[in-house]
Amino acid sequence: MGITGPLRQEAAETEALTMLAWLAGQDDLFEAFLAATGASAGDVARRAADPGFLASVVDFMLGEDAHVLAAPDAAVVKRPE
């Protein structure tokens, strides 16, 4: 049985924050994320606790195969074994 309820949301938010932290360290990709979302670098810190903003991080990362393929070394996007 999987995680349900508030624990599921917390786990999803933790994964999105992990993605965001990795993304922030990738200069070109982070700039593309900011352009795609209309956020500024200052917005990121203020909005990191906003579930809607975190959903935009996940959406951006999963929107392009290249993003997903770039991330596994950082253990951000876990591939099924």
PDB file of N, CA and C in Angstrom:
ATOM      1  N   MET A   1       0.841  -1.167   0.000  1.00  0.00           N
ATOM      2  CA  MET A   1       0.000   0.000   0.000  1.00  0.00           C
ATOM      3  C   MET A   1       0.895   1.241   0.000  1.00  0.00           C
ATOM      4  N   GLY A   2       0.552   2.256  -0.807  1.00  0.00           N
ATOM      5  CA  GLY A   2       1.361   3.459  -0.922  1.00  0.00           C
ATOM      6  C   GLY A   2       1.061   4.471   0.164  1.00  0.00           C
ATOM      7  N   ILE A   3       1.783   5.553   0.094  1.00  0.00           N
ATOM      8  CA  ILE A   3       1.590   6.656   1.042  1.00  0.00           C
ATOM      9  C   ILE A   3       0.301   7.372   0.684  1.00  0.00           C
ATOM     10  N   THR A   4      -0.478   7.753   1.702  1.00  0.00           N
ATOM     11  CA  THR A   4      -1.729   8.460   1.460  1.00  0.00           C
ATOM     12  C   THR A   4      -1.809   9.701   2.324  1.00  0.00           C
ATOM     13  N   GLY A   5      -2.764  10.559   2.001  1.00  0.00           N
ATOM     14  CA  GLY A   5      -3.066  11.726   2.816  1.00  0.00           C
ATOM     15  C   GLY A   5      -1.926  12.717   2.924  1.00  0.00           C
ATOM     16  N   PRO A   6      -1.822  13.361   4.090  1.00  0.00           N
ATOM     17  CA  PRO A   6      -0.813  14.405   4.289  1.00  0.00           C
ATOM     18  C   PRO A   6       0.619  13.916   4.078  1.00  0.00           C
ATOM     19  N   LEU A   7       0.887  12.663   4.398  1.00  0.00           N
ATOM     20  CA  LEU A   7       2.236  12.136   4.179  1.00  0.00           C
ATOM     21  C   LEU A   7       2.567  12.084   2.693  1.00  0.00           C
ATOM     22  N   ARG A   8       1.587  11.764   1.878  1.00  0.00           N
ATOM     23  CA  ARG A   8       1.794  11.724   0.430  1.00  0.00           C
ATOM     24  C   ARG A   8       2.118  13.115  -0.086  1.00  0.00           C
ATOM     25  N   GLN A   9       1.382  14.121   0.373  1.00  0.00           N
ATOM     26  CA  GLN A   9       1.645  15.488  -0.052  1.00  0.00           C
ATOM     27  C   GLN A   9       3.032  15.927   0.406  1.00  0.00           C
ATOM     28  N   GLU A  10       3.391  15.589   1.630  1.00  0.00           N
ATOM     29  CA  GLU A  10       4.707  15.958   2.146  1.00  0.00           C
ATOM     30  C   GLU A  10       5.817  15.305   1.321  1.00  0.00           C
ATOM     31  N   ALA A  11       5.633  14.048   0.966  1.00  0.00           N
ATOM     32  CA  ALA A  11       6.629  13.349   0.155  1.00  0.00           C
ATOM     33  C   ALA A  11       6.752  13.991  -1.226  1.00  0.00           C
ATOM     34  N   ALA A  12       5.622  14.355  -1.815  1.00  0.00           N
ATOM     35  CA  ALA A  12       5.637  15.001  -3.129  1.00  0.00           C
ATOM     36  C   ALA A  12       6.334  16.357  -3.053  1.00  0.00           C
ATOM     37  N   GLU A  13       6.048  17.112  -2.001  1.00  0.00           N
ATOM     38  CA  GLU A  13       6.686  18.416  -1.842  1.00  0.00           C
ATOM     39  C   GLU A  13       8.189  18.269  -1.628  1.00  0.00           C
ATOM     40  N   THR A  14       8.592  17.252  -0.883  1.00  0.00           N
ATOM     41  CA  THR A  14      10.021  17.010  -0.659  1.00  0.00           C
ATOM     42  C   THR A  14      10.716  16.678  -1.974  1.00  0.00           C
ATOM     43  N   GLU A  15      10.100  15.844  -2.796  1.00  0.00           N
ATOM     44  CA  GLU A  15      10.673  15.507  -4.108  1.00  0.00           C
ATOM     45  C   GLU A  15      10.778  16.757  -4.984  1.00  0.00           C
ATOM     46  N   ALA A  16       9.740  17.586  -4.977  1.00  0.00           N
ATOM     47  CA  ALA A  16       9.762  18.810  -5.785  1.00  0.00           C
ATOM     48  C   ALA A  16      10.841  19.770  -5.297  1.00  0.00           C
ATOM     49  N   LEU A  17      11.026  19.868  -3.993  1.00  0.00           N
ATOM     50  CA  LEU A  17      12.091  20.726  -3.449  1.00  0.00           C
ATOM     51  C   LEU A  17      13.466  20.195  -3.834  1.00  0.00           C
ATOM     52  N   THR A  18      13.611  18.882  -3.866  1.00  0.00           N
ATOM     53  CA  THR A  18      14.867  18.281  -4.300  1.00  0.00           C
ATOM     54  C   THR A  18      15.133  18.639  -5.763  1.00  0.00           C
ATOM     55  N   MET A  19      14.103  18.547  -6.573  1.00  0.00           N
ATOM     56  CA  MET A  19      14.230  18.941  -7.981  1.00  0.00           C
ATOM     57  C   MET A  19      14.601  20.409  -8.105  1.00  0.00           C
ATOM     58  N   LEU A  20      13.941  21.254  -7.325  1.00  0.00           N
ATOM     59  CA  LEU A  20      14.207  22.687  -7.369  1.00  0.00           C
ATOM     60  C   LEU A  20      15.640  23.002  -6.969  1.00  0.00           C
ATOM     61  N   ALA A  21      16.134  22.346  -5.940  1.00  0.00           N
ATOM     62  CA  ALA A  21      17.510  22.569  -5.504  1.00  0.00           C
ATOM     63  C   ALA A  21      18.491  22.165  -6.601  1.00  0.00           C
ATOM     64  N   TRP A  22      18.239  21.028  -7.232  1.00  0.00           N
ATOM     65  CA  TRP A  22      19.104  20.602  -8.330  1.00  0.00           C
ATOM     66  C   TRP A  22      19.027  21.584  -9.482  1.00  0.00           C
ATOM     67  N   LEU A  23      17.810  21.970  -9.813  1.00  0.00           N
ATOM     68  CA  LEU A  23      17.572  22.885 -10.928  1.00  0.00           C
ATOM     69  C   LEU A  23      18.284  24.220 -10.710  1.00  0.00           C
ATOM     70  N   ALA A  24      18.260  24.713  -9.489  1.00  0.00           N
ATOM     71  CA  ALA A  24      18.899  25.998  -9.182  1.00  0.00           C
ATOM     72  C   ALA A  24      20.405  25.953  -9.406  1.00  0.00           C
ATOM     73  N   GLY A  25      20.994  24.785  -9.378  1.00  0.00           N
ATOM     74  CA  GLY A  25      22.422  24.643  -9.614  1.00  0.00           C
ATOM     75  C   GLY A  25      22.795  24.472 -11.074  1.00  0.00           C
ATOM     76  N   GLN A  26      21.800  24.441 -11.939  1.00  0.00           N
ATOM     77  CA  GLN A  26      22.013  24.266 -13.384  1.00  0.00           C
ATOM     78  C   GLN A  26      21.717  25.601 -14.077  1.00  0.00           C
ATOM     79  N   ASP A  27      22.737  26.420 -14.260  1.00  0.00           N
ATOM     80  CA  ASP A  27      22.528  27.802 -14.716  1.00  0.00           C
ATOM     81  C   ASP A  27      21.592  27.939 -15.912  1.00  0.00           C
ATOM     82  N   ASP A  28      21.913  27.285 -17.031  1.00  0.00           N
ATOM     83  CA  ASP A  28      21.093  27.445 -18.237  1.00  0.00           C
ATOM     84  C   ASP A  28      19.686  26.905 -18.042  1.00  0.00           C
ATOM     85  N   LEU A  29      19.588  25.757 -17.414  1.00  0.00           N
ATOM     86  CA  LEU A  29      18.285  25.142 -17.202  1.00  0.00           C
ATOM     87  C   LEU A  29      17.445  25.958 -16.218  1.00  0.00           C
ATOM     88  N   PHE A  30      18.096  26.502 -15.196  1.00  0.00           N
ATOM     89  CA  PHE A  30      17.375  27.336 -14.225  1.00  0.00           C
ATOM     90  C   PHE A  30      16.837  28.594 -14.901  1.00  0.00           C
ATOM     91  N   GLU A  31      17.643  29.185 -15.774  1.00  0.00           N
ATOM     92  CA  GLU A  31      17.180  30.365 -16.523  1.00  0.00           C
ATOM     93  C   GLU A  31      15.979  30.006 -17.393  1.00  0.00           C
ATOM     94  N   ALA A  32      16.016  28.827 -18.011  1.00  0.00           N
ATOM     95  CA  ALA A  32      14.886  28.383 -18.821  1.00  0.00           C
ATOM     96  C   ALA A  32      13.639  28.184 -17.956  1.00  0.00           C
ATOM     97  N   PHE A  33      13.832  27.626 -16.757  1.00  0.00           N
ATOM     98  CA  PHE A  33      12.711  27.449 -15.828  1.00  0.00           C
ATOM     99  C   PHE A  33      12.113  28.806 -15.450  1.00  0.00           C
ATOM    100  N   LEU A  34      12.980  29.764 -15.109  1.00  0.00           N
ATOM    101  CA  LEU A  34      12.492  31.092 -14.746  1.00  0.00           C
ATOM    102  C   LEU A  34      11.725  31.718 -15.902  1.00  0.00           C
ATOM    103  N   ALA A  35      12.246  31.598 -17.110  1.00  0.00           N
ATOM    104  CA  ALA A  35      11.565  32.157 -18.277  1.00  0.00           C
ATOM    105  C   ALA A  35      10.220  31.468 -18.518  1.00  0.00           C
ATOM    106  N   ALA A  36      10.194  30.153 -18.364  1.00  0.00           N
ATOM    107  CA  ALA A  36       8.963  29.390 -18.603  1.00  0.00           C
ATOM    108  C   ALA A  36       7.876  29.697 -17.583  1.00  0.00           C
ATOM    109  N   THR A  37       8.286  29.965 -16.341  1.00  0.00           N
ATOM    110  CA  THR A  37       7.303  30.189 -15.279  1.00  0.00           C
ATOM    111  C   THR A  37       7.013  31.657 -15.032  1.00  0.00           C
ATOM    112  N   GLY A  38       7.880  32.536 -15.545  1.00  0.00           N
ATOM    113  CA  GLY A  38       7.709  33.960 -15.286  1.00  0.00           C
ATOM    114  C   GLY A  38       8.174  34.356 -13.898  1.00  0.00           C
ATOM    115  N   ALA A  39       8.819  33.435 -13.205  1.00  0.00           N
ATOM    116  CA  ALA A  39       9.323  33.719 -11.857  1.00  0.00           C
ATOM    117  C   ALA A  39      10.690  34.388 -11.951  1.00  0.00           C
ATOM    118  N   SER A  40      11.037  35.108 -10.920  1.00  0.00           N
ATOM    119  CA  SER A  40      12.385  35.661 -10.809  1.00  0.00           C
ATOM    120  C   SER A  40      13.154  34.799  -9.813  1.00  0.00           C
ATOM    121  N   ALA A  41      14.462  34.964  -9.784  1.00  0.00           N
ATOM    122  CA  ALA A  41      15.265  34.204  -8.826  1.00  0.00           C
ATOM    123  C   ALA A  41      14.802  34.500  -7.400  1.00  0.00           C
ATOM    124  N   GLY A  42      14.421  35.738  -7.122  1.00  0.00           N
ATOM    125  CA  GLY A  42      13.921  36.090  -5.798  1.00  0.00           C
ATOM    126  C   GLY A  42      12.593  35.432  -5.466  1.00  0.00           C
ATOM    127  N   ASP A  43      11.773  35.218  -6.493  1.00  0.00           N
ATOM    128  CA  ASP A  43      10.485  34.548  -6.281  1.00  0.00           C
ATOM    129  C   ASP A  43      10.663  33.114  -5.807  1.00  0.00           C
ATOM    130  N   VAL A  44      11.718  32.469  -6.274  1.00  0.00           N
ATOM    131  CA  VAL A  44      11.913  31.052  -5.985  1.00  0.00           C
ATOM    132  C   VAL A  44      11.966  30.799  -4.480  1.00  0.00           C
ATOM    133  N   ALA A  45      12.762  31.569  -3.775  1.00  0.00           N
ATOM    134  CA  ALA A  45      12.864  31.376  -2.320  1.00  0.00           C
ATOM    135  C   ALA A  45      11.537  31.674  -1.623  1.00  0.00           C
ATOM    136  N   ARG A  46      10.847  32.701  -2.074  1.00  0.00           N
ATOM    137  CA  ARG A  46       9.572  33.069  -1.444  1.00  0.00           C
ATOM    138  C   ARG A  46       8.474  32.056  -1.732  1.00  0.00           C
ATOM    139  N   ARG A  47       8.536  31.423  -2.892  1.00  0.00           N
ATOM    140  CA  ARG A  47       7.435  30.554  -3.310  1.00  0.00           C
ATOM    141  C   ARG A  47       7.736  29.065  -3.139  1.00  0.00           C
ATOM    142  N   ALA A  48       8.886  28.739  -2.595  1.00  0.00           N
ATOM    143  CA  ALA A  48       9.288  27.335  -2.485  1.00  0.00           C
ATOM    144  C   ALA A  48       8.346  26.500  -1.616  1.00  0.00           C
ATOM    145  N   ALA A  49       7.572  27.119  -0.761  1.00  0.00           N
ATOM    146  CA  ALA A  49       6.624  26.380   0.086  1.00  0.00           C
ATOM    147  C   ALA A  49       5.224  26.316  -0.528  1.00  0.00           C
ATOM    148  N   ASP A  50       5.045  26.929  -1.683  1.00  0.00           N
ATOM    149  CA  ASP A  50       3.744  26.973  -2.350  1.00  0.00           C
ATOM    150  C   ASP A  50       3.555  25.713  -3.201  1.00  0.00           C
ATOM    151  N   PRO A  51       2.574  24.873  -2.870  1.00  0.00           N
ATOM    152  CA  PRO A  51       2.375  23.641  -3.639  1.00  0.00           C
ATOM    153  C   PRO A  51       2.166  23.888  -5.135  1.00  0.00           C
ATOM    154  N   GLY A  52       1.516  24.968  -5.485  1.00  0.00           N
ATOM    155  CA  GLY A  52       1.316  25.285  -6.904  1.00  0.00           C
ATOM    156  C   GLY A  52       2.627  25.576  -7.613  1.00  0.00           C
ATOM    157  N   PHE A  53       3.517  26.291  -6.938  1.00  0.00           N
ATOM    158  CA  PHE A  53       4.825  26.591  -7.507  1.00  0.00           C
ATOM    159  C   PHE A  53       5.646  25.313  -7.621  1.00  0.00           C
ATOM    160  N   LEU A  54       5.588  24.476  -6.595  1.00  0.00           N
ATOM    161  CA  LEU A  54       6.317  23.210  -6.640  1.00  0.00           C
ATOM    162  C   LEU A  54       5.795  22.327  -7.775  1.00  0.00           C
ATOM    163  N   ALA A  55       4.505  22.392  -8.038  1.00  0.00           N
ATOM    164  CA  ALA A  55       3.945  21.642  -9.169  1.00  0.00           C
ATOM    165  C   ALA A  55       4.531  22.148 -10.483  1.00  0.00           C
ATOM    166  N   SER A  56       4.795  23.463 -10.575  1.00  0.00           N
ATOM    167  CA  SER A  56       5.399  23.998 -11.797  1.00  0.00           C
ATOM    168  C   SER A  56       6.830  23.502 -11.966  1.00  0.00           C
ATOM    169  N   VAL A  57       7.523  23.258 -10.859  1.00  0.00           N
ATOM    170  CA  VAL A  57       8.881  22.690 -10.926  1.00  0.00           C
ATOM    171  C   VAL A  57       8.814  21.283 -11.517  1.00  0.00           C
ATOM    172  N   VAL A  58       7.925  20.468 -10.984  1.00  0.00           N
ATOM    173  CA  VAL A  58       7.779  19.089 -11.466  1.00  0.00           C
ATOM    174  C   VAL A  58       7.339  19.090 -12.928  1.00  0.00           C
ATOM    175  N   ASP A  59       6.381  19.936 -13.263  1.00  0.00           N
ATOM    176  CA  ASP A  59       5.889  20.028 -14.632  1.00  0.00           C
ATOM    177  C   ASP A  59       7.021  20.402 -15.587  1.00  0.00           C
ATOM    178  N   PHE A  60       7.839  21.370 -15.204  1.00  0.00           N
ATOM    179  CA  PHE A  60       8.961  21.792 -16.039  1.00  0.00           C
ATOM    180  C   PHE A  60       9.954  20.645 -16.212  1.00  0.00           C
ATOM    181  N   MET A  61      10.313  19.987 -15.127  1.00  0.00           N
ATOM    182  CA  MET A  61      11.305  18.917 -15.185  1.00  0.00           C
ATOM    183  C   MET A  61      10.821  17.744 -16.029  1.00  0.00           C
ATOM    184  N   LEU A  62       9.555  17.421 -15.947  1.00  0.00           N
ATOM    185  CA  LEU A  62       9.030  16.275 -16.684  1.00  0.00           C
ATOM    186  C   LEU A  62       8.568  16.644 -18.090  1.00  0.00           C
ATOM    187  N   GLY A  63       8.599  17.930 -18.417  1.00  0.00           N
ATOM    188  CA  GLY A  63       8.119  18.401 -19.709  1.00  0.00           C
ATOM    189  C   GLY A  63       9.049  18.114 -20.871  1.00  0.00           C
ATOM    190  N   GLU A  64      10.296  17.849 -20.596  1.00  0.00           N
ATOM    191  CA  GLU A  64      11.269  17.595 -21.648  1.00  0.00           C
ATOM    192  C   GLU A  64      12.107  16.373 -21.283  1.00  0.00           C
ATOM    193  N   ASP A  65      12.253  15.475 -22.216  1.00  0.00           N
ATOM    194  CA  ASP A  65      13.089  14.296 -21.970  1.00  0.00           C
ATOM    195  C   ASP A  65      14.495  14.698 -21.560  1.00  0.00           C
ATOM    196  N   ALA A  66      15.013  15.759 -22.162  1.00  0.00           N
ATOM    197  CA  ALA A  66      16.377  16.198 -21.847  1.00  0.00           C
ATOM    198  C   ALA A  66      16.519  16.577 -20.379  1.00  0.00           C
ATOM    199  N   HIS A  67      15.487  17.158 -19.801  1.00  0.00           N
ATOM    200  CA  HIS A  67      15.535  17.526 -18.381  1.00  0.00           C
ATOM    201  C   HIS A  67      15.591  16.274 -17.522  1.00  0.00           C
ATOM    202  N   VAL A  68      14.766  15.315 -17.860  1.00  0.00           N
ATOM    203  CA  VAL A  68      14.722  14.071 -17.090  1.00  0.00           C
ATOM    204  C   VAL A  68      16.050  13.326 -17.213  1.00  0.00           C
ATOM    205  N   LEU A  69      16.598  13.297 -18.409  1.00  0.00           N
ATOM    206  CA  LEU A  69      17.848  12.584 -18.630  1.00  0.00           C
ATOM    207  C   LEU A  69      19.035  13.273 -17.969  1.00  0.00           C
ATOM    208  N   ALA A  70      18.955  14.579 -17.790  1.00  0.00           N
ATOM    209  CA  ALA A  70      20.045  15.318 -17.155  1.00  0.00           C
ATOM    210  C   ALA A  70      20.058  15.125 -15.652  1.00  0.00           C
ATOM    211  N   ALA A  71      18.940  14.783 -15.071  1.00  0.00           N
ATOM    212  CA  ALA A  71      18.793  14.778 -13.624  1.00  0.00           C
ATOM    213  C   ALA A  71      19.192  13.497 -12.881  1.00  0.00           C
ATOM    214  N   PRO A  72      19.208  12.315 -13.477  1.00  0.00           N
ATOM    215  CA  PRO A  72      19.438  11.107 -12.674  1.00  0.00           C
ATOM    216  C   PRO A  72      20.728  11.104 -11.871  1.00  0.00           C
ATOM    217  N   ASP A  73      21.777  11.697 -12.391  1.00  0.00           N
ATOM    218  CA  ASP A  73      23.028  11.712 -11.639  1.00  0.00           C
ATOM    219  C   ASP A  73      22.883  12.443 -10.313  1.00  0.00           C
ATOM    220  N   ALA A  74      21.936  13.344 -10.253  1.00  0.00           N
ATOM    221  CA  ALA A  74      21.679  14.077  -9.019  1.00  0.00           C
ATOM    222  C   ALA A  74      20.648  13.361  -8.160  1.00  0.00           C
ATOM    223  N   ALA A  75      20.217  12.179  -8.591  1.00  0.00           N
ATOM    224  CA  ALA A  75      19.207  11.394  -7.860  1.00  0.00           C
ATOM    225  C   ALA A  75      17.932  12.178  -7.668  1.00  0.00           C
ATOM    226  N   VAL A  76      17.605  12.984  -8.659  1.00  0.00           N
ATOM    227  CA  VAL A  76      16.380  13.785  -8.591  1.00  0.00           C
ATOM    228  C   VAL A  76      15.215  13.006  -9.161  1.00  0.00           C
ATOM    229  N   VAL A  77      15.358  12.570 -10.382  1.00  0.00           N
ATOM    230  CA  VAL A  77      14.304  11.806 -11.019  1.00  0.00           C
ATOM    231  C   VAL A  77      14.712  10.345 -10.959  1.00  0.00           C
ATOM    232  N   LYS A  78      13.998   9.586 -10.183  1.00  0.00           N
ATOM    233  CA  LYS A  78      14.361   8.185  -9.973  1.00  0.00           C
ATOM    234  C   LYS A  78      13.749   7.328 -11.068  1.00  0.00           C
ATOM    235  N   ARG A  79      14.593   6.580 -11.733  1.00  0.00           N
ATOM    236  CA  ARG A  79      14.118   5.667 -12.770  1.00  0.00           C
ATOM    237  C   ARG A  79      13.718   4.353 -12.118  1.00  0.00           C
ATOM    238  N   PRO A  80      12.643   3.740 -12.622  1.00  0.00           N
ATOM    239  CA  PRO A  80      12.268   2.433 -12.065  1.00  0.00           C
ATOM    240  C   PRO A  80      13.344   1.403 -12.358  1.00  0.00           C
ATOM    241  N   GLU A  81      13.555   0.506 -11.421  1.00  0.00           N
ATOM    242  CA  GLU A  81      14.586  -0.531 -11.601  1.00  0.00           C
ATOM    243  C   GLU A  81      13.987  -1.789 -12.184  1.00  0.00           C
TER     244      GLU A  81
END
